[in-house]
């Protein structure tokens, strides 16, 4: 099978910076002998369509040029079809978007590191997590959060996105002021149903989210588990004091934060809720979460 890459580029990522920076990085790869075809996205979901079509045509090597959302769309174009193929898809990254969280598990040097990984053919196995919802099935490689974090993301997109990072802070403060504990009944690995009120739940394949927030310090991308973070019921002041600690992963030491590793989670949620998945906010009704061990190969 040819190792010619299909690079799927979101030129609008990073406020348009991706479209400006991508040509030079692509030229560097080509100059190093990497064979690449490039397609640009024009609308939400387009990367999924392009990846799905390319997979059906026999392509097995991909590069996501953009942010976490671009990678998320490509993964959902490859799966579930890739599960039925003898060859595992290869996904490289040129992180030129806003968040670029997944790659931070490996480096803080961004596109410089990831482009060299593609040139050097550095490959690592990566788990994929499948989330089955009433409305359909999605796959991800970064994280899923439900509760406060997802609601902050939804509010940011709805009201404050134009303000950039300060907009996210505004959304955090707004949601803290209106903080209401929620219940998301779930059972892990066949265990008992857990229905205690919580601030949020997060199921992570990698450590980082939102660029530099270390949501799950105990996550490993190829261990066959989702790293779960359960932030129990907190008061407003306690949450405001604790939330900034997420940038260093120190929030997990709080007595109301529990961490674990799981392979499967069954939810008993009866209506759609906001879900933060790999930087994207969707509103769905989660039913089952399951880890697909080493279903993807990443160029890192």
C-alpha atoms as a PDB file:
ATOM      1  CA  UNK A   1       0.000   0.000   0.000  1.00  0.00           C
ATOM      2  CA  UNK A   2       1.304   3.462  -0.931  1.00  0.00           C
ATOM      3  CA  UNK A   3       2.475   5.722   1.889  1.00  0.00           C
ATOM      4  CA  UNK A   4       1.370   8.818   0.004  1.00  0.00           C
ATOM      5  CA  UNK A   5      -0.384  11.087   2.504  1.00  0.00           C
ATOM      6  CA  UNK A   6      -3.658  12.875   2.081  1.00  0.00           C
ATOM      7  CA  UNK A   7      -3.413  16.133   4.010  1.00  0.00           C
ATOM      8  CA  UNK A   8      -6.791  17.576   4.965  1.00  0.00           C
ATOM      9  CA  UNK A   9      -6.402  21.265   5.772  1.00  0.00           C
ATOM     10  CA  UNK A  10      -8.824  23.575   7.538  1.00  0.00           C
ATOM     11  CA  UNK A  11      -7.593  26.995   6.353  1.00  0.00           C
ATOM     12  CA  UNK A  12      -9.924  28.763   8.795  1.00  0.00           C
ATOM     13  CA  UNK A  13      -8.380  27.104  11.876  1.00  0.00           C
ATOM     14  CA  UNK A  14      -6.605  29.365  14.322  1.00  0.00           C
ATOM     15  CA  UNK A  15      -8.519  32.380  13.092  1.00  0.00           C
ATOM     16  CA  UNK A  16      -7.155  31.895   9.574  1.00  0.00           C
ATOM     17  CA  UNK A  17      -3.533  31.445  10.657  1.00  0.00           C
ATOM     18  CA  UNK A  18      -3.620  27.831   9.500  1.00  0.00           C
ATOM     19  CA  UNK A  19      -4.316  28.796   5.901  1.00  0.00           C
ATOM     20  CA  UNK A  20      -1.422  31.240   5.942  1.00  0.00           C
ATOM     21  CA  UNK A  21       1.129  28.911   7.578  1.00  0.00           C
ATOM     22  CA  UNK A  22       0.236  25.583   5.940  1.00  0.00           C
ATOM     23  CA  UNK A  23       1.897  26.036   2.510  1.00  0.00           C
ATOM     24  CA  UNK A  24       5.379  26.509   3.978  1.00  0.00           C
ATOM     25  CA  UNK A  25       5.079  23.463   6.237  1.00  0.00           C
ATOM     26  CA  UNK A  26       3.733  21.316   3.400  1.00  0.00           C
ATOM     27  CA  UNK A  27       6.610  22.454   1.192  1.00  0.00           C
ATOM     28  CA  UNK A  28       9.073  21.438   3.895  1.00  0.00           C
ATOM     29  CA  UNK A  29       7.576  17.937   3.986  1.00  0.00           C
ATOM     30  CA  UNK A  30       7.676  17.631   0.208  1.00  0.00           C
ATOM     31  CA  UNK A  31      11.254  18.860   0.187  1.00  0.00           C
ATOM     32  CA  UNK A  32      12.123  16.037   2.565  1.00  0.00           C
ATOM     33  CA  UNK A  33      10.612  13.475   0.196  1.00  0.00           C
ATOM     34  CA  UNK A  34       7.178  13.032   1.754  1.00  0.00           C
ATOM     35  CA  UNK A  35       4.522  12.490  -0.921  1.00  0.00           C
ATOM     36  CA  UNK A  36       1.423  14.560  -0.116  1.00  0.00           C
ATOM     37  CA  UNK A  37      -1.868  15.446  -1.721  1.00  0.00           C
ATOM     38  CA  UNK A  38      -3.737  18.356  -0.122  1.00  0.00           C
ATOM     39  CA  UNK A  39      -7.460  19.028   0.154  1.00  0.00           C
ATOM     40  CA  UNK A  40      -8.969  22.039   1.925  1.00  0.00           C
ATOM     41  CA  UNK A  41     -12.188  22.037   3.908  1.00  0.00           C
ATOM     42  CA  UNK A  42     -14.913  24.579   3.258  1.00  0.00           C
ATOM     43  CA  UNK A  43     -17.500  23.844   5.936  1.00  0.00           C
ATOM     44  CA  UNK A  44     -18.074  22.042   9.227  1.00  0.00           C
ATOM     45  CA  UNK A  45     -17.961  18.278   8.797  1.00  0.00           C
ATOM     46  CA  UNK A  46     -16.127  18.529   5.470  1.00  0.00           C
ATOM     47  CA  UNK A  47     -12.967  16.838   6.813  1.00  0.00           C
ATOM     48  CA  UNK A  48     -15.090  13.845   7.825  1.00  0.00           C
ATOM     49  CA  UNK A  49     -16.539  13.635   4.316  1.00  0.00           C
ATOM     50  CA  UNK A  50     -13.109  13.893   2.679  1.00  0.00           C
ATOM     51  CA  UNK A  51     -11.522  11.280   4.950  1.00  0.00           C
ATOM     52  CA  UNK A  52     -14.429   8.881   4.517  1.00  0.00           C
ATOM     53  CA  UNK A  53     -14.268   9.159   0.729  1.00  0.00           C
ATOM     54  CA  UNK A  54     -10.484   8.776   0.678  1.00  0.00           C
ATOM     55  CA  UNK A  55     -10.632   5.689   2.909  1.00  0.00           C
ATOM     56  CA  UNK A  56     -13.145   4.085   0.554  1.00  0.00           C
ATOM     57  CA  UNK A  57     -10.726   4.827  -2.305  1.00  0.00           C
ATOM     58  CA  UNK A  58      -7.909   2.989  -0.544  1.00  0.00           C
ATOM     59  CA  UNK A  59      -6.030   5.839   1.144  1.00  0.00           C
ATOM     60  CA  UNK A  60      -4.529   4.838   4.513  1.00  0.00           C
ATOM     61  CA  UNK A  61      -2.174   7.711   5.400  1.00  0.00           C
ATOM     62  CA  UNK A  62      -3.577  11.077   6.497  1.00  0.00           C
ATOM     63  CA  UNK A  63      -2.423  14.395   7.938  1.00  0.00           C
ATOM     64  CA  UNK A  64      -4.725  16.743   9.812  1.00  0.00           C
ATOM     65  CA  UNK A  65      -3.771  20.375   9.241  1.00  0.00           C
ATOM     66  CA  UNK A  66      -5.599  22.574  11.718  1.00  0.00           C
ATOM     67  CA  UNK A  67      -6.643  22.187  15.338  1.00  0.00           C
ATOM     68  CA  UNK A  68      -8.140  19.414  17.444  1.00  0.00           C
ATOM     69  CA  UNK A  69     -11.448  19.778  15.614  1.00  0.00           C
ATOM     70  CA  UNK A  70      -9.816  18.906  12.284  1.00  0.00           C
ATOM     71  CA  UNK A  71      -8.306  15.741  13.752  1.00  0.00           C
ATOM     72  CA  UNK A  72     -11.646  14.856  15.322  1.00  0.00           C
ATOM     73  CA  UNK A  73     -13.428  15.145  11.982  1.00  0.00           C
ATOM     74  CA  UNK A  74     -10.806  13.021  10.210  1.00  0.00           C
ATOM     75  CA  UNK A  75     -11.041  10.302  12.869  1.00  0.00           C
ATOM     76  CA  UNK A  76     -14.805  10.210  12.381  1.00  0.00           C
ATOM     77  CA  UNK A  77     -14.285   9.843   8.644  1.00  0.00           C
ATOM     78  CA  UNK A  78     -12.008   6.838   9.180  1.00  0.00           C
ATOM     79  CA  UNK A  79     -14.092   5.047  11.800  1.00  0.00           C
ATOM     80  CA  UNK A  80     -15.873   2.720  12.069  1.00  0.00           C
ATOM     81  CA  UNK A  81     -14.780   1.572   8.562  1.00  0.00           C
ATOM     82  CA  UNK A  82     -11.130   1.255   9.648  1.00  0.00           C
ATOM     83  CA  UNK A  83     -12.067  -1.391  12.217  1.00  0.00           C
ATOM     84  CA  UNK A  84     -12.856  -3.826   9.415  1.00  0.00           C
ATOM     85  CA  UNK A  85      -9.555  -3.383   7.555  1.00  0.00           C
ATOM     86  CA  UNK A  86      -6.303  -5.299   7.938  1.00  0.00           C
ATOM     87  CA  UNK A  87      -4.281  -2.085   7.775  1.00  0.00           C
ATOM     88  CA  UNK A  88      -4.460   0.422  10.608  1.00  0.00           C
ATOM     89  CA  UNK A  89      -4.828   4.026   9.408  1.00  0.00           C
ATOM     90  CA  UNK A  90      -1.921   6.403  10.011  1.00  0.00           C
ATOM     91  CA  UNK A  91      -2.679   9.956  11.111  1.00  0.00           C
ATOM     92  CA  UNK A  92      -0.110  12.726  11.321  1.00  0.00           C
ATOM     93  CA  UNK A  93      -0.668  16.280  12.515  1.00  0.00           C
ATOM     94  CA  UNK A  94       0.325  19.777  11.507  1.00  0.00           C
ATOM     95  CA  UNK A  95      -1.090  21.625  14.524  1.00  0.00           C
ATOM     96  CA  UNK A  96      -1.788  25.082  13.178  1.00  0.00           C
ATOM     97  CA  UNK A  97      -5.144  25.660  14.885  1.00  0.00           C
ATOM     98  CA  UNK A  98      -6.189  27.073  18.236  1.00  0.00           C
ATOM     99  CA  UNK A  99      -6.137  24.203  20.728  1.00  0.00           C
ATOM    100  CA  UNK A 100      -3.852  21.456  19.411  1.00  0.00           C
ATOM    101  CA  UNK A 101      -4.307  19.557  22.683  1.00  0.00           C
ATOM    102  CA  UNK A 102      -3.682  15.970  21.593  1.00  0.00           C
ATOM    103  CA  UNK A 103      -0.113  16.578  20.451  1.00  0.00           C
ATOM    104  CA  UNK A 104       0.878  18.120  23.796  1.00  0.00           C
ATOM    105  CA  UNK A 105       1.113  14.618  25.259  1.00  0.00           C
ATOM    106  CA  UNK A 106       4.219  14.248  23.079  1.00  0.00           C
ATOM    107  CA  UNK A 107       5.675  17.738  22.653  1.00  0.00           C
ATOM    108  CA  UNK A 108       5.195  21.472  23.135  1.00  0.00           C
ATOM    109  CA  UNK A 109       7.009  22.261  19.863  1.00  0.00           C
ATOM    110  CA  UNK A 110       3.918  21.947  17.691  1.00  0.00           C
ATOM    111  CA  UNK A 111       4.312  21.719  13.919  1.00  0.00           C
ATOM    112  CA  UNK A 112       8.112  21.693  14.121  1.00  0.00           C
ATOM    113  CA  UNK A 113       8.015  18.397  16.026  1.00  0.00           C
ATOM    114  CA  UNK A 114       5.067  16.825  14.245  1.00  0.00           C
ATOM    115  CA  UNK A 115       6.377  17.524  10.738  1.00  0.00           C
ATOM    116  CA  UNK A 116       9.710  15.936  11.665  1.00  0.00           C
ATOM    117  CA  UNK A 117       7.828  12.911  13.001  1.00  0.00           C
ATOM    118  CA  UNK A 118       6.187  12.489   9.592  1.00  0.00           C
ATOM    119  CA  UNK A 119       9.543  12.864   7.814  1.00  0.00           C
ATOM    120  CA  UNK A 120      11.233  10.348  10.140  1.00  0.00           C
ATOM    121  CA  UNK A 121       8.262   7.947   9.940  1.00  0.00           C
ATOM    122  CA  UNK A 122       7.927   7.868  13.720  1.00  0.00           C
ATOM    123  CA  UNK A 123       4.792   5.875  14.547  1.00  0.00           C
ATOM    124  CA  UNK A 124       2.967   5.051  17.782  1.00  0.00           C
ATOM    125  CA  UNK A 125      -0.201   3.061  18.464  1.00  0.00           C
ATOM    126  CA  UNK A 126      -3.162   5.097  19.660  1.00  0.00           C
ATOM    127  CA  UNK A 127      -6.435   4.012  21.188  1.00  0.00           C
ATOM    128  CA  UNK A 128      -9.691   5.341  19.773  1.00  0.00           C
ATOM    129  CA  UNK A 129     -12.731   5.813  21.982  1.00  0.00           C
ATOM    130  CA  UNK A 130     -16.185   5.087  20.589  1.00  0.00           C
ATOM    131  CA  UNK A 131     -19.203   6.891  22.012  1.00  0.00           C
ATOM    132  CA  UNK A 132     -22.594   5.516  21.088  1.00  0.00           C
ATOM    133  CA  UNK A 133     -25.445   7.977  21.512  1.00  0.00           C
ATOM    134  CA  UNK A 134     -29.155   7.850  20.805  1.00  0.00           C
ATOM    135  CA  UNK A 135     -28.504  10.224  17.906  1.00  0.00           C
ATOM    136  CA  UNK A 136     -25.562   8.306  16.417  1.00  0.00           C
ATOM    137  CA  UNK A 137     -21.988   7.162  17.076  1.00  0.00           C
ATOM    138  CA  UNK A 138     -18.830   9.283  17.248  1.00  0.00           C
ATOM    139  CA  UNK A 139     -15.147   8.441  17.773  1.00  0.00           C
ATOM    140  CA  UNK A 140     -12.441  10.491  19.460  1.00  0.00           C
ATOM    141  CA  UNK A 141      -8.769  10.416  20.501  1.00  0.00           C
ATOM    142  CA  UNK A 142      -8.572  13.341  22.970  1.00  0.00           C
ATOM    143  CA  UNK A 143     -11.381  13.590  25.504  1.00  0.00           C
ATOM    144  CA  UNK A 144     -15.080  13.673  26.252  1.00  0.00           C
ATOM    145  CA  UNK A 145     -16.428  15.875  29.047  1.00  0.00           C
ATOM    146  CA  UNK A 146     -19.961  16.313  30.309  1.00  0.00           C
ATOM    147  CA  UNK A 147     -21.196  18.818  32.881  1.00  0.00           C
ATOM    148  CA  UNK A 148     -19.522  22.118  33.800  1.00  0.00           C
ATOM    149  CA  UNK A 149     -16.650  21.910  31.265  1.00  0.00           C
ATOM    150  CA  UNK A 150     -18.954  21.100  28.355  1.00  0.00           C
ATOM    151  CA  UNK A 151     -21.444  23.767  29.384  1.00  0.00           C
ATOM    152  CA  UNK A 152     -18.644  26.355  29.516  1.00  0.00           C
ATOM    153  CA  UNK A 153     -17.610  25.320  26.010  1.00  0.00           C
ATOM    154  CA  UNK A 154     -21.160  25.591  24.744  1.00  0.00           C
ATOM    155  CA  UNK A 155     -21.581  29.058  26.278  1.00  0.00           C
ATOM    156  CA  UNK A 156     -18.240  30.201  24.855  1.00  0.00           C
ATOM    157  CA  UNK A 157     -19.279  29.155  21.350  1.00  0.00           C
ATOM    158  CA  UNK A 158     -22.720  30.683  21.697  1.00  0.00           C
ATOM    159  CA  UNK A 159     -21.856  34.071  23.231  1.00  0.00           C
ATOM    160  CA  UNK A 160     -18.143  34.732  23.755  1.00  0.00           C
ATOM    161  CA  UNK A 161     -16.174  33.030  20.969  1.00  0.00           C
ATOM    162  CA  UNK A 162     -15.235  36.315  19.287  1.00  0.00           C
ATOM    163  CA  UNK A 163     -13.317  37.354  22.429  1.00  0.00           C
ATOM    164  CA  UNK A 164     -10.822  34.466  22.212  1.00  0.00           C
ATOM    165  CA  UNK A 165      -9.276  33.306  25.515  1.00  0.00           C
ATOM    166  CA  UNK A 166     -10.909  36.119  27.556  1.00  0.00           C
ATOM    167  CA  UNK A 167     -14.242  34.855  26.207  1.00  0.00           C
ATOM    168  CA  UNK A 168     -13.563  31.436  27.696  1.00  0.00           C
ATOM    169  CA  UNK A 169     -12.818  33.045  31.070  1.00  0.00           C
ATOM    170  CA  UNK A 170     -16.082  34.990  30.840  1.00  0.00           C
ATOM    171  CA  UNK A 171     -17.934  31.751  30.199  1.00  0.00           C
ATOM    172  CA  UNK A 172     -16.243  30.078  33.188  1.00  0.00           C
ATOM    173  CA  UNK A 173     -17.238  32.920  35.518  1.00  0.00           C
ATOM    174  CA  UNK A 174     -20.786  32.982  34.139  1.00  0.00           C
ATOM    175  CA  UNK A 175     -21.238  29.255  34.641  1.00  0.00           C
ATOM    176  CA  UNK A 176     -19.688  29.350  38.115  1.00  0.00           C
ATOM    177  CA  UNK A 177     -22.170  32.034  39.182  1.00  0.00           C
ATOM    178  CA  UNK A 178     -25.028  29.836  37.979  1.00  0.00           C
ATOM    179  CA  UNK A 179     -23.433  26.588  39.168  1.00  0.00           C
ATOM    180  CA  UNK A 180     -25.894  23.737  39.599  1.00  0.00           C
ATOM    181  CA  UNK A 181     -24.667  20.194  40.322  1.00  0.00           C
ATOM    182  CA  UNK A 182     -25.878  17.651  37.776  1.00  0.00           C
ATOM    183  CA  UNK A 183     -26.308  13.916  37.788  1.00  0.00           C
ATOM    184  CA  UNK A 184     -25.083  11.766  34.906  1.00  0.00           C
ATOM    185  CA  UNK A 185     -25.927   8.184  35.903  1.00  0.00           C
ATOM    186  CA  UNK A 186     -23.266   5.786  34.658  1.00  0.00           C
ATOM    187  CA  UNK A 187     -21.739   2.385  35.331  1.00  0.00           C
ATOM    188  CA  UNK A 188     -18.060   1.604  34.704  1.00  0.00           C
ATOM    189  CA  UNK A 189     -16.894  -1.801  33.474  1.00  0.00           C
ATOM    190  CA  UNK A 190     -20.056  -3.577  34.567  1.00  0.00           C
ATOM    191  CA  UNK A 191     -20.022  -2.058  38.058  1.00  0.00           C
ATOM    192  CA  UNK A 192     -22.913  -0.462  39.963  1.00  0.00           C
ATOM    193  CA  UNK A 193     -24.815   2.564  38.667  1.00  0.00           C
ATOM    194  CA  UNK A 194     -23.363   5.825  40.016  1.00  0.00           C
ATOM    195  CA  UNK A 195     -25.846   8.697  40.303  1.00  0.00           C
ATOM    196  CA  UNK A 196     -24.299  11.156  42.782  1.00  0.00           C
ATOM    197  CA  UNK A 197     -24.391  14.841  41.799  1.00  0.00           C
ATOM    198  CA  UNK A 198     -21.143  16.088  40.298  1.00  0.00           C
ATOM    199  CA  UNK A 199     -19.578  19.173  38.752  1.00  0.00           C
ATOM    200  CA  UNK A 200     -18.366  17.335  35.674  1.00  0.00           C
ATOM    201  CA  UNK A 201     -17.141  14.003  34.326  1.00  0.00           C
ATOM    202  CA  UNK A 202     -14.336  13.573  31.814  1.00  0.00           C
ATOM    203  CA  UNK A 203     -13.216  10.486  29.895  1.00  0.00           C
ATOM    204  CA  UNK A 204      -9.765  11.036  28.434  1.00  0.00           C
ATOM    205  CA  UNK A 205      -7.529   9.279  25.950  1.00  0.00           C
ATOM    206  CA  UNK A 206      -4.825  11.954  26.260  1.00  0.00           C
ATOM    207  CA  UNK A 207      -3.792  14.290  29.039  1.00  0.00           C
ATOM    208  CA  UNK A 208      -4.511  17.777  27.703  1.00  0.00           C
ATOM    209  CA  UNK A 209      -7.535  19.792  26.639  1.00  0.00           C
ATOM    210  CA  UNK A 210      -8.093  23.397  25.637  1.00  0.00           C
ATOM    211  CA  UNK A 211      -4.472  23.688  24.565  1.00  0.00           C
ATOM    212  CA  UNK A 212      -2.638  23.681  27.904  1.00  0.00           C
ATOM    213  CA  UNK A 213      -5.105  22.325  30.469  1.00  0.00           C
ATOM    214  CA  UNK A 214      -3.872  18.998  31.861  1.00  0.00           C
ATOM    215  CA  UNK A 215      -7.271  17.453  32.461  1.00  0.00           C
ATOM    216  CA  UNK A 216      -6.051  13.899  33.029  1.00  0.00           C
ATOM    217  CA  UNK A 217      -2.410  13.547  34.154  1.00  0.00           C
ATOM    218  CA  UNK A 218      -2.902   9.777  34.385  1.00  0.00           C
ATOM    219  CA  UNK A 219      -3.974   9.333  30.738  1.00  0.00           C
ATOM    220  CA  UNK A 220      -1.917   7.276  28.265  1.00  0.00           C
ATOM    221  CA  UNK A 221      -2.932   7.185  24.612  1.00  0.00           C
ATOM    222  CA  UNK A 222      -2.155   3.505  24.054  1.00  0.00           C
ATOM    223  CA  UNK A 223      -2.886   1.698  27.328  1.00  0.00           C
ATOM    224  CA  UNK A 224      -6.338   0.420  26.340  1.00  0.00           C
ATOM    225  CA  UNK A 225      -8.120   2.549  28.951  1.00  0.00           C
ATOM    226  CA  UNK A 226      -9.972   5.844  29.193  1.00  0.00           C
ATOM    227  CA  UNK A 227      -8.656   8.001  32.041  1.00  0.00           C
ATOM    228  CA  UNK A 228     -11.729   9.091  33.989  1.00  0.00           C
ATOM    229  CA  UNK A 229     -11.917  12.269  36.060  1.00  0.00           C
ATOM    230  CA  UNK A 230     -14.956  12.684  38.317  1.00  0.00           C
ATOM    231  CA  UNK A 231     -15.189  16.150  39.872  1.00  0.00           C
ATOM    232  CA  UNK A 232     -17.728  15.851  42.651  1.00  0.00           C
ATOM    233  CA  UNK A 233     -20.119  18.455  43.943  1.00  0.00           C
ATOM    234  CA  UNK A 234     -18.299  21.738  44.687  1.00  0.00           C
ATOM    235  CA  UNK A 235     -19.316  25.167  45.892  1.00  0.00           C
ATOM    236  CA  UNK A 236     -18.724  28.219  43.732  1.00  0.00           C
ATOM    237  CA  UNK A 237     -15.679  29.527  45.612  1.00  0.00           C
ATOM    238  CA  UNK A 238     -14.131  26.080  45.850  1.00  0.00           C
ATOM    239  CA  UNK A 239     -14.538  25.584  42.086  1.00  0.00           C
ATOM    240  CA  UNK A 240     -13.057  29.010  41.313  1.00  0.00           C
ATOM    241  CA  UNK A 241     -10.027  28.194  43.467  1.00  0.00           C
ATOM    242  CA  UNK A 242      -9.610  24.698  42.049  1.00  0.00           C
ATOM    243  CA  UNK A 243     -10.276  25.202  38.341  1.00  0.00           C
ATOM    244  CA  UNK A 244      -7.046  27.144  37.559  1.00  0.00           C
ATOM    245  CA  UNK A 245      -5.047  24.193  38.949  1.00  0.00           C
ATOM    246  CA  UNK A 246      -6.075  22.209  35.879  1.00  0.00           C
ATOM    247  CA  UNK A 247      -3.276  23.871  33.885  1.00  0.00           C
ATOM    248  CA  UNK A 248      -0.742  21.892  35.919  1.00  0.00           C
ATOM    249  CA  UNK A 249      -2.898  18.852  36.595  1.00  0.00           C
ATOM    250  CA  UNK A 250      -3.035  19.670  40.326  1.00  0.00           C
ATOM    251  CA  UNK A 251      -6.838  19.655  40.422  1.00  0.00           C
ATOM    252  CA  UNK A 252      -6.802  15.852  40.706  1.00  0.00           C
ATOM    253  CA  UNK A 253      -5.376  16.124  44.229  1.00  0.00           C
ATOM    254  CA  UNK A 254      -8.561  17.832  45.471  1.00  0.00           C
ATOM    255  CA  UNK A 255     -10.491  15.562  47.866  1.00  0.00           C
ATOM    256  CA  UNK A 256     -13.632  15.873  45.735  1.00  0.00           C
ATOM    257  CA  UNK A 257     -11.862  14.800  42.543  1.00  0.00           C
ATOM    258  CA  UNK A 258     -11.626  11.062  41.823  1.00  0.00           C
ATOM    259  CA  UNK A 259      -9.555   9.513  39.052  1.00  0.00           C
ATOM    260  CA  UNK A 260      -9.673   6.019  37.608  1.00  0.00           C
ATOM    261  CA  UNK A 261      -9.174   4.072  34.387  1.00  0.00           C
ATOM    262  CA  UNK A 262     -12.031   2.350  32.571  1.00  0.00           C
ATOM    263  CA  UNK A 263     -12.600   0.334  29.413  1.00  0.00           C
ATOM    264  CA  UNK A 264     -16.358   0.731  29.095  1.00  0.00           C
ATOM    265  CA  UNK A 265     -18.978   3.088  30.508  1.00  0.00           C
ATOM    266  CA  UNK A 266     -22.736   2.606  30.238  1.00  0.00           C
ATOM    267  CA  UNK A 267     -24.806   5.756  30.726  1.00  0.00           C
ATOM    268  CA  UNK A 268     -28.382   6.030  31.929  1.00  0.00           C
ATOM    269  CA  UNK A 269     -28.966   9.564  30.640  1.00  0.00           C
ATOM    270  CA  UNK A 270     -32.458  10.110  29.256  1.00  0.00           C
ATOM    271  CA  UNK A 271     -32.146  13.383  27.312  1.00  0.00           C
ATOM    272  CA  UNK A 272     -29.542  15.253  25.225  1.00  0.00           C
ATOM    273  CA  UNK A 273     -26.779  17.026  27.143  1.00  0.00           C
ATOM    274  CA  UNK A 274     -23.852  19.222  26.118  1.00  0.00           C
ATOM    275  CA  UNK A 275     -20.763  17.116  25.354  1.00  0.00           C
ATOM    276  CA  UNK A 276     -17.264  18.490  24.814  1.00  0.00           C
ATOM    277  CA  UNK A 277     -15.529  16.072  22.432  1.00  0.00           C
ATOM    278  CA  UNK A 278     -12.004  16.832  21.205  1.00  0.00           C
ATOM    279  CA  UNK A 279     -12.662  20.562  21.460  1.00  0.00           C
ATOM    280  CA  UNK A 280     -16.033  20.383  19.711  1.00  0.00           C
ATOM    281  CA  UNK A 281     -19.340  20.897  21.530  1.00  0.00           C
ATOM    282  CA  UNK A 282     -22.277  18.727  20.516  1.00  0.00           C
ATOM    283  CA  UNK A 283     -25.610  18.025  22.141  1.00  0.00           C
ATOM    284  CA  UNK A 284     -26.375  14.305  22.257  1.00  0.00           C
ATOM    285  CA  UNK A 285     -27.653  11.558  24.559  1.00  0.00           C
ATOM    286  CA  UNK A 286     -24.707   9.300  25.490  1.00  0.00           C
ATOM    287  CA  UNK A 287     -25.401   5.597  25.934  1.00  0.00           C
ATOM    288  CA  UNK A 288     -22.131   3.631  25.798  1.00  0.00           C
ATOM    289  CA  UNK A 289     -18.454   4.565  25.782  1.00  0.00           C
ATOM    290  CA  UNK A 290     -15.886   1.927  24.821  1.00  0.00           C
ATOM    291  CA  UNK A 291     -12.123   1.947  24.216  1.00  0.00           C
ATOM    292  CA  UNK A 292     -10.851   0.493  20.931  1.00  0.00           C
ATOM    293  CA  UNK A 293      -7.232  -0.433  21.770  1.00  0.00           C
ATOM    294  CA  UNK A 294      -4.547   0.633  19.255  1.00  0.00           C
ATOM    295  CA  UNK A 295      -7.136   1.162  16.519  1.00  0.00           C
ATOM    296  CA  UNK A 296      -5.116   4.071  15.071  1.00  0.00           C
ATOM    297  CA  UNK A 297      -1.438   4.740  14.371  1.00  0.00           C
ATOM    298  CA  UNK A 298      -0.280   8.299  14.966  1.00  0.00           C
ATOM    299  CA  UNK A 299       2.821   9.916  13.504  1.00  0.00           C
ATOM    300  CA  UNK A 300       4.436  11.381  16.603  1.00  0.00           C
END
